[in-house]
Amino acid sequence: MSDKSHTPLLEVKDLTVSFHTSDGVVRAVNGVSYQLDEGGTLGVVGESGCGKSVHARSIMRLVPIPPGKIDKGEVWYNGRD
């Protein structure tokens, strides 16, 4: 039986991040969503330049604005925005 009051430790919903460059807009993260429970483990893998670090920096609000911009999404930590 599932606990309806369960709150994940970290929840990312539809995270989208872009950078405005001299060549135009570059979408670095496009619609990332997941939940992570306390004690859980998450591995983020991908090719160089695919947005792993931008994803992590966005969660901590460390993307340099400008040129970066968190276009949409939500990040909840322990039930708080």
PDB file of N, CA and C in Angstrom:
ATOM      1  N   MET A   1       0.839  -1.179   0.000  1.00  0.00           N
ATOM      2  CA  MET A   1       0.000   0.000   0.000  1.00  0.00           C
ATOM      3  C   MET A   1       0.884   1.242   0.000  1.00  0.00           C
ATOM      4  N   SER A   2       0.617   2.201  -0.877  1.00  0.00           N
ATOM      5  CA  SER A   2       1.459   3.390  -0.970  1.00  0.00           C
ATOM      6  C   SER A   2       1.016   4.450   0.030  1.00  0.00           C
ATOM      7  N   ASP A   3       1.970   5.232   0.496  1.00  0.00           N
ATOM      8  CA  ASP A   3       1.721   6.323   1.427  1.00  0.00           C
ATOM      9  C   ASP A   3       1.406   7.577   0.614  1.00  0.00           C
ATOM     10  N   LYS A   4       0.161   8.042   0.663  1.00  0.00           N
ATOM     11  CA  LYS A   4      -0.271   9.195  -0.137  1.00  0.00           C
ATOM     12  C   LYS A   4       0.400  10.484   0.317  1.00  0.00           C
ATOM     13  N   SER A   5       0.907  10.537   1.568  1.00  0.00           N
ATOM     14  CA  SER A   5       1.533  11.749   2.081  1.00  0.00           C
ATOM     15  C   SER A   5       3.037  11.773   1.830  1.00  0.00           C
ATOM     16  N   HIS A   6       3.565  10.792   1.097  1.00  0.00           N
ATOM     17  CA  HIS A   6       4.994  10.694   0.828  1.00  0.00           C
ATOM     18  C   HIS A   6       5.484  11.913   0.048  1.00  0.00           C
ATOM     19  N   THR A   7       6.575  12.513   0.510  1.00  0.00           N
ATOM     20  CA  THR A   7       7.203  13.632  -0.180  1.00  0.00           C
ATOM     21  C   THR A   7       8.619  13.225  -0.548  1.00  0.00           C
ATOM     22  N   PRO A   8       8.967  13.266  -1.847  1.00  0.00           N
ATOM     23  CA  PRO A   8      10.344  12.942  -2.229  1.00  0.00           C
ATOM     24  C   PRO A   8      11.313  13.971  -1.648  1.00  0.00           C
ATOM     25  N   LEU A   9      12.549  13.562  -1.436  1.00  0.00           N
ATOM     26  CA  LEU A   9      13.565  14.496  -0.963  1.00  0.00           C
ATOM     27  C   LEU A   9      13.838  15.561  -2.023  1.00  0.00           C
ATOM     28  N   LEU A  10      13.959  15.137  -3.285  1.00  0.00           N
ATOM     29  CA  LEU A  10      14.198  16.063  -4.399  1.00  0.00           C
ATOM     30  C   LEU A  10      13.252  15.716  -5.529  1.00  0.00           C
ATOM     31  N   GLU A  11      12.570  16.727  -6.050  1.00  0.00           N
ATOM     32  CA  GLU A  11      11.688  16.526  -7.195  1.00  0.00           C
ATOM     33  C   GLU A  11      11.957  17.632  -8.209  1.00  0.00           C
ATOM     34  N   VAL A  12      12.279  17.232  -9.419  1.00  0.00           N
ATOM     35  CA  VAL A  12      12.521  18.157 -10.526  1.00  0.00           C
ATOM     36  C   VAL A  12      11.413  17.918 -11.540  1.00  0.00           C
ATOM     37  N   LYS A  13      10.737  19.002 -11.933  1.00  0.00           N
ATOM     38  CA  LYS A  13       9.598  18.887 -12.849  1.00  0.00           C
ATOM     39  C   LYS A  13       9.838  19.755 -14.082  1.00  0.00           C
ATOM     40  N   ASP A  14       9.997  19.131 -15.232  1.00  0.00           N
ATOM     41  CA  ASP A  14      10.046  19.799 -16.537  1.00  0.00           C
ATOM     42  C   ASP A  14      11.081  20.930 -16.605  1.00  0.00           C
ATOM     43  N   LEU A  15      12.272  20.681 -16.089  1.00  0.00           N
ATOM     44  CA  LEU A  15      13.337  21.687 -16.077  1.00  0.00           C
ATOM     45  C   LEU A  15      13.849  21.951 -17.494  1.00  0.00           C
ATOM     46  N   THR A  16      13.824  23.212 -17.901  1.00  0.00           N
ATOM     47  CA  THR A  16      14.283  23.631 -19.223  1.00  0.00           C
ATOM     48  C   THR A  16      15.190  24.847 -19.061  1.00  0.00           C
ATOM     49  N   VAL A  17      16.406  24.760 -19.595  1.00  0.00           N
ATOM     50  CA  VAL A  17      17.405  25.824 -19.457  1.00  0.00           C
ATOM     51  C   VAL A  17      18.006  26.130 -20.820  1.00  0.00           C
ATOM     52  N   SER A  18      18.177  27.410 -21.110  1.00  0.00           N
ATOM     53  CA  SER A  18      18.793  27.806 -22.383  1.00  0.00           C
ATOM     54  C   SER A  18      19.873  28.856 -22.142  1.00  0.00           C
ATOM     55  N   PHE A  19      20.711  29.031 -23.155  1.00  0.00           N
ATOM     56  CA  PHE A  19      21.755  30.053 -23.136  1.00  0.00           C
ATOM     57  C   PHE A  19      21.628  30.894 -24.394  1.00  0.00           C
ATOM     58  N   HIS A  20      21.727  32.194 -24.230  1.00  0.00           N
ATOM     59  CA  HIS A  20      21.680  33.108 -25.371  1.00  0.00           C
ATOM     60  C   HIS A  20      23.114  33.413 -25.784  1.00  0.00           C
ATOM     61  N   THR A  21      23.479  33.002 -26.989  1.00  0.00           N
ATOM     62  CA  THR A  21      24.840  33.176 -27.492  1.00  0.00           C
ATOM     63  C   THR A  21      24.810  34.048 -28.742  1.00  0.00           C
ATOM     64  N   SER A  22      25.977  34.397 -29.237  1.00  0.00           N
ATOM     65  CA  SER A  22      26.064  35.182 -30.468  1.00  0.00           C
ATOM     66  C   SER A  22      25.544  34.399 -31.673  1.00  0.00           C
ATOM     67  N   ASP A  23      25.512  33.070 -31.559  1.00  0.00           N
ATOM     68  CA  ASP A  23      24.983  32.224 -32.635  1.00  0.00           C
ATOM     69  C   ASP A  23      23.497  31.931 -32.478  1.00  0.00           C
ATOM     70  N   GLY A  24      22.887  32.445 -31.418  1.00  0.00           N
ATOM     71  CA  GLY A  24      21.463  32.198 -31.172  1.00  0.00           C
ATOM     72  C   GLY A  24      21.242  31.504 -29.847  1.00  0.00           C
ATOM     73  N   VAL A  25      20.045  31.008 -29.663  1.00  0.00           N
ATOM     74  CA  VAL A  25      19.673  30.353 -28.408  1.00  0.00           C
ATOM     75  C   VAL A  25      20.062  28.880 -28.462  1.00  0.00           C
ATOM     76  N   VAL A  26      20.720  28.426 -27.389  1.00  0.00           N
ATOM     77  CA  VAL A  26      21.112  27.026 -27.266  1.00  0.00           C
ATOM     78  C   VAL A  26      20.348  26.436 -26.085  1.00  0.00           C
ATOM     79  N   ARG A  27      19.554  25.402 -26.344  1.00  0.00           N
ATOM     80  CA  ARG A  27      18.819  24.737 -25.278  1.00  0.00           C
ATOM     81  C   ARG A  27      19.753  23.706 -24.661  1.00  0.00           C
ATOM     82  N   ALA A  28      20.113  23.919 -23.390  1.00  0.00           N
ATOM     83  CA  ALA A  28      21.066  23.037 -22.712  1.00  0.00           C
ATOM     84  C   ALA A  28      20.373  21.904 -21.958  1.00  0.00           C
ATOM     85  N   VAL A  29      19.198  22.165 -21.430  1.00  0.00           N
ATOM     86  CA  VAL A  29      18.413  21.164 -20.711  1.00  0.00           C
ATOM     87  C   VAL A  29      16.984  21.296 -21.221  1.00  0.00           C
ATOM     88  N   ASN A  30      16.358  20.173 -21.557  1.00  0.00           N
ATOM     89  CA  ASN A  30      15.050  20.238 -22.191  1.00  0.00           C
ATOM     90  C   ASN A  30      14.050  19.283 -21.531  1.00  0.00           C
ATOM     91  N   GLY A  31      13.305  19.790 -20.562  1.00  0.00           N
ATOM     92  CA  GLY A  31      12.213  19.025 -19.973  1.00  0.00           C
ATOM     93  C   GLY A  31      12.616  17.875 -19.070  1.00  0.00           C
ATOM     94  N   VAL A  32      13.606  18.057 -18.227  1.00  0.00           N
ATOM     95  CA  VAL A  32      14.063  16.999 -17.311  1.00  0.00           C
ATOM     96  C   VAL A  32      13.122  16.926 -16.110  1.00  0.00           C
ATOM     97  N   SER A  33      12.670  15.713 -15.790  1.00  0.00           N
ATOM     98  CA  SER A  33      11.809  15.476 -14.633  1.00  0.00           C
ATOM     99  C   SER A  33      12.229  14.188 -13.932  1.00  0.00           C
ATOM    100  N   TYR A  34      12.232  14.207 -12.602  1.00  0.00           N
ATOM    101  CA  TYR A  34      12.482  12.993 -11.819  1.00  0.00           C
ATOM    102  C   TYR A  34      12.198  13.266 -10.351  1.00  0.00           C
ATOM    103  N   GLN A  35      12.106  12.197  -9.577  1.00  0.00           N
ATOM    104  CA  GLN A  35      11.977  12.267  -8.128  1.00  0.00           C
ATOM    105  C   GLN A  35      13.081  11.433  -7.504  1.00  0.00           C
ATOM    106  N   LEU A  36      13.586  11.898  -6.376  1.00  0.00           N
ATOM    107  CA  LEU A  36      14.616  11.168  -5.653  1.00  0.00           C
ATOM    108  C   LEU A  36      14.221  11.102  -4.188  1.00  0.00           C
ATOM    109  N   ASP A  37      14.098   9.908  -3.674  1.00  0.00           N
ATOM    110  CA  ASP A  37      13.739   9.724  -2.271  1.00  0.00           C
ATOM    111  C   ASP A  37      14.974   9.792  -1.379  1.00  0.00           C
ATOM    112  N   GLU A  38      14.750  10.106  -0.111  1.00  0.00           N
ATOM    113  CA  GLU A  38      15.845  10.144   0.855  1.00  0.00           C
ATOM    114  C   GLU A  38      16.532   8.786   0.873  1.00  0.00           C
ATOM    115  N   GLY A  39      17.859   8.790   0.812  1.00  0.00           N
ATOM    116  CA  GLY A  39      18.636   7.564   0.793  1.00  0.00           C
ATOM    117  C   GLY A  39      18.796   6.971  -0.595  1.00  0.00           C
ATOM    118  N   GLY A  40      18.124   7.567  -1.575  1.00  0.00           N
ATOM    119  CA  GLY A  40      18.213   7.072  -2.946  1.00  0.00           C
ATOM    120  C   GLY A  40      19.462   7.586  -3.643  1.00  0.00           C
ATOM    121  N   THR A  41      19.714   7.017  -4.801  1.00  0.00           N
ATOM    122  CA  THR A  41      20.874   7.388  -5.601  1.00  0.00           C
ATOM    123  C   THR A  41      20.418   7.697  -7.014  1.00  0.00           C
ATOM    124  N   LEU A  42      20.978   8.741  -7.598  1.00  0.00           N
ATOM    125  CA  LEU A  42      20.666   9.115  -8.972  1.00  0.00           C
ATOM    126  C   LEU A  42      21.971   9.257  -9.735  1.00  0.00           C
ATOM    127  N   GLY A  43      22.056   8.604 -10.862  1.00  0.00           N
ATOM    128  CA  GLY A  43      23.211   8.752 -11.738  1.00  0.00           C
ATOM    129  C   GLY A  43      22.793   9.527 -12.977  1.00  0.00           C
ATOM    130  N   VAL A  44      23.553  10.550 -13.329  1.00  0.00           N
ATOM    131  CA  VAL A  44      23.278  11.332 -14.535  1.00  0.00           C
ATOM    132  C   VAL A  44      24.438  11.095 -15.488  1.00  0.00           C
ATOM    133  N   VAL A  45      24.150  10.499 -16.625  1.00  0.00           N
ATOM    134  CA  VAL A  45      25.186  10.162 -17.595  1.00  0.00           C
ATOM    135  C   VAL A  45      24.825  10.740 -18.955  1.00  0.00           C
ATOM    136  N   GLY A  46      25.841  10.954 -19.756  1.00  0.00           N
ATOM    137  CA  GLY A  46      25.621  11.443 -21.109  1.00  0.00           C
ATOM    138  C   GLY A  46      26.922  11.917 -21.709  1.00  0.00           C
ATOM    139  N   GLU A  47      26.846  12.235 -22.977  1.00  0.00           N
ATOM    140  CA  GLU A  47      28.023  12.708 -23.697  1.00  0.00           C
ATOM    141  C   GLU A  47      28.469  14.071 -23.175  1.00  0.00           C
ATOM    142  N   SER A  48      29.705  14.408 -23.462  1.00  0.00           N
ATOM    143  CA  SER A  48      30.227  15.717 -23.116  1.00  0.00           C
ATOM    144  C   SER A  48      29.391  16.788 -23.794  1.00  0.00           C
ATOM    145  N   GLY A  49      28.996  17.789 -23.020  1.00  0.00           N
ATOM    146  CA  GLY A  49      28.228  18.890 -23.585  1.00  0.00           C
ATOM    147  C   GLY A  49      26.737  18.657 -23.678  1.00  0.00           C
ATOM    148  N   CYS A  50      26.224  17.590 -23.058  1.00  0.00           N
ATOM    149  CA  CYS A  50      24.788  17.288 -23.190  1.00  0.00           C
ATOM    150  C   CYS A  50      23.921  17.958 -22.130  1.00  0.00           C
ATOM    151  N   GLY A  51      24.515  18.648 -21.142  1.00  0.00           N
ATOM    152  CA  GLY A  51      23.729  19.398 -20.167  1.00  0.00           C
ATOM    153  C   GLY A  51      23.751  18.873 -18.746  1.00  0.00           C
ATOM    154  N   LYS A  52      24.622  17.903 -18.447  1.00  0.00           N
ATOM    155  CA  LYS A  52      24.675  17.340 -17.095  1.00  0.00           C
ATOM    156  C   LYS A  52      25.017  18.404 -16.051  1.00  0.00           C
ATOM    157  N   SER A  53      26.060  19.164 -16.291  1.00  0.00           N
ATOM    158  CA  SER A  53      26.484  20.185 -15.327  1.00  0.00           C
ATOM    159  C   SER A  53      25.489  21.332 -15.253  1.00  0.00           C
ATOM    160  N   VAL A  54      24.929  21.730 -16.382  1.00  0.00           N
ATOM    161  CA  VAL A  54      23.923  22.801 -16.386  1.00  0.00           C
ATOM    162  C   VAL A  54      22.699  22.356 -15.593  1.00  0.00           C
ATOM    163  N   HIS A  55      22.309  21.101 -15.746  1.00  0.00           N
ATOM    164  CA  HIS A  55      21.195  20.536 -14.979  1.00  0.00           C
ATOM    165  C   HIS A  55      21.471  20.669 -13.483  1.00  0.00           C
ATOM    166  N   ALA A  56      22.659  20.246 -13.044  1.00  0.00           N
ATOM    167  CA  ALA A  56      23.007  20.302 -11.623  1.00  0.00           C
ATOM    168  C   ALA A  56      23.088  21.745 -11.126  1.00  0.00           C
ATOM    169  N   ARG A  57      23.689  22.619 -11.895  1.00  0.00           N
ATOM    170  CA  ARG A  57      23.785  24.036 -11.501  1.00  0.00           C
ATOM    171  C   ARG A  57      22.417  24.696 -11.436  1.00  0.00           C
ATOM    172  N   SER A  58      21.521  24.310 -12.317  1.00  0.00           N
ATOM    173  CA  SER A  58      20.178  24.885 -12.333  1.00  0.00           C
ATOM    174  C   SER A  58      19.417  24.543 -11.057  1.00  0.00           C
ATOM    175  N   ILE A  59      19.570  23.319 -10.588  1.00  0.00           N
ATOM    176  CA  ILE A  59      18.899  22.899  -9.357  1.00  0.00           C
ATOM    177  C   ILE A  59      19.336  23.779  -8.189  1.00  0.00           C
ATOM    178  N   MET A  60      20.600  24.180  -8.192  1.00  0.00           N
ATOM    179  CA  MET A  60      21.140  25.006  -7.105  1.00  0.00           C
ATOM    180  C   MET A  60      21.066  26.503  -7.416  1.00  0.00           C
ATOM    181  N   ARG A  61      20.432  26.850  -8.547  1.00  0.00           N
ATOM    182  CA  ARG A  61      20.296  28.242  -9.016  1.00  0.00           C
ATOM    183  C   ARG A  61      21.664  28.913  -9.193  1.00  0.00           C
ATOM    184  N   LEU A  62      22.586  28.172  -9.780  1.00  0.00           N
ATOM    185  CA  LEU A  62      23.932  28.687 -10.018  1.00  0.00           C
ATOM    186  C   LEU A  62      24.224  28.923 -11.502  1.00  0.00           C
ATOM    187  N   VAL A  63      23.198  28.914 -12.337  1.00  0.00           N
ATOM    188  CA  VAL A  63      23.387  29.205 -13.763  1.00  0.00           C
ATOM    189  C   VAL A  63      23.602  30.701 -13.910  1.00  0.00           C
ATOM    190  N   PRO A  64      24.675  31.121 -14.579  1.00  0.00           N
ATOM    191  CA  PRO A  64      24.917  32.561 -14.749  1.00  0.00           C
ATOM    192  C   PRO A  64      23.845  33.190 -15.657  1.00  0.00           C
ATOM    193  N   ILE A  65      23.135  34.188 -15.113  1.00  0.00           N
ATOM    194  CA  ILE A  65      22.065  34.864 -15.851  1.00  0.00           C
ATOM    195  C   ILE A  65      22.462  36.321 -16.028  1.00  0.00           C
ATOM    196  N   PRO A  66      22.602  36.855 -17.236  1.00  0.00           N
ATOM    197  CA  PRO A  66      22.793  36.146 -18.487  1.00  0.00           C
ATOM    198  C   PRO A  66      24.173  35.504 -18.544  1.00  0.00           C
ATOM    199  N   PRO A  67      24.450  34.686 -19.503  1.00  0.00           N
ATOM    200  CA  PRO A  67      23.707  34.357 -20.710  1.00  0.00           C
ATOM    201  C   PRO A  67      22.673  33.257 -20.506  1.00  0.00           C
ATOM    202  N   GLY A  68      22.713  32.555 -19.356  1.00  0.00           N
ATOM    203  CA  GLY A  68      21.788  31.456 -19.131  1.00  0.00           C
ATOM    204  C   GLY A  68      20.429  31.935 -18.688  1.00  0.00           C
ATOM    205  N   LYS A  69      19.441  31.057 -18.829  1.00  0.00           N
ATOM    206  CA  LYS A  69      18.090  31.374 -18.380  1.00  0.00           C
ATOM    207  C   LYS A  69      17.373  30.061 -18.084  1.00  0.00           C
ATOM    208  N   ILE A  70      16.795  29.978 -16.884  1.00  0.00           N
ATOM    209  CA  ILE A  70      15.943  28.850 -16.557  1.00  0.00           C
ATOM    210  C   ILE A  70      14.573  29.199 -17.133  1.00  0.00           C
ATOM    211  N   ASP A  71      14.226  28.573 -18.234  1.00  0.00           N
ATOM    212  CA  ASP A  71      13.018  28.923 -18.970  1.00  0.00           C
ATOM    213  C   ASP A  71      11.749  28.450 -18.282  1.00  0.00           C
ATOM    214  N   LYS A  72      11.795  27.244 -17.727  1.00  0.00           N
ATOM    215  CA  LYS A  72      10.621  26.748 -17.001  1.00  0.00           C
ATOM    216  C   LYS A  72      11.023  25.558 -16.165  1.00  0.00           C
ATOM    217  N   GLY A  73      10.113  25.156 -15.320  1.00  0.00           N
ATOM    218  CA  GLY A  73      10.330  24.000 -14.472  1.00  0.00           C
ATOM    219  C   GLY A  73      10.222  24.349 -13.006  1.00  0.00           C
ATOM    220  N   GLU A  74      10.199  23.314 -12.200  1.00  0.00           N
ATOM    221  CA  GLU A  74      10.126  23.461 -10.752  1.00  0.00           C
ATOM    222  C   GLU A  74      11.151  22.536 -10.113  1.00  0.00           C
ATOM    223  N   VAL A  75      11.717  22.985  -9.004  1.00  0.00           N
ATOM    224  CA  VAL A  75      12.612  22.152  -8.210  1.00  0.00           C
ATOM    225  C   VAL A  75      12.119  22.215  -6.768  1.00  0.00           C
ATOM    226  N   TRP A  76      11.784  21.068  -6.234  1.00  0.00           N
ATOM    227  CA  TRP A  76      11.303  20.963  -4.859  1.00  0.00           C
ATOM    228  C   TRP A  76      12.306  20.149  -4.063  1.00  0.00           C
ATOM    229  N   TYR A  77      12.727  20.684  -2.915  1.00  0.00           N
ATOM    230  CA  TYR A  77      13.645  19.981  -2.019  1.00  0.00           C
ATOM    231  C   TYR A  77      12.946  19.821  -0.677  1.00  0.00           C
ATOM    232  N   ASN A  78      12.739  18.593  -0.280  1.00  0.00           N
ATOM    233  CA  ASN A  78      12.105  18.293   1.002  1.00  0.00           C
ATOM    234  C   ASN A  78      10.754  19.006   1.132  1.00  0.00           C
ATOM    235  N   GLY A  79      10.008  19.073   0.023  1.00  0.00           N
ATOM    236  CA  GLY A  79       8.677  19.671   0.027  1.00  0.00           C
ATOM    237  C   GLY A  79       8.642  21.172  -0.112  1.00  0.00           C
ATOM    238  N   ARG A  80       9.811  21.819  -0.301  1.00  0.00           N
ATOM    239  CA  ARG A  80       9.866  23.287  -0.421  1.00  0.00           C
ATOM    240  C   ARG A  80      10.383  23.672  -1.798  1.00  0.00           C
ATOM    241  N   ASP A  81       9.790  24.719  -2.366  1.00  0.00           N
ATOM    242  CA  ASP A  81      10.187  25.223  -3.679  1.00  0.00           C
ATOM    243  C   ASP A  81      11.531  25.922  -3.554  1.00  0.00           C
TER     244      ASP A  81
END
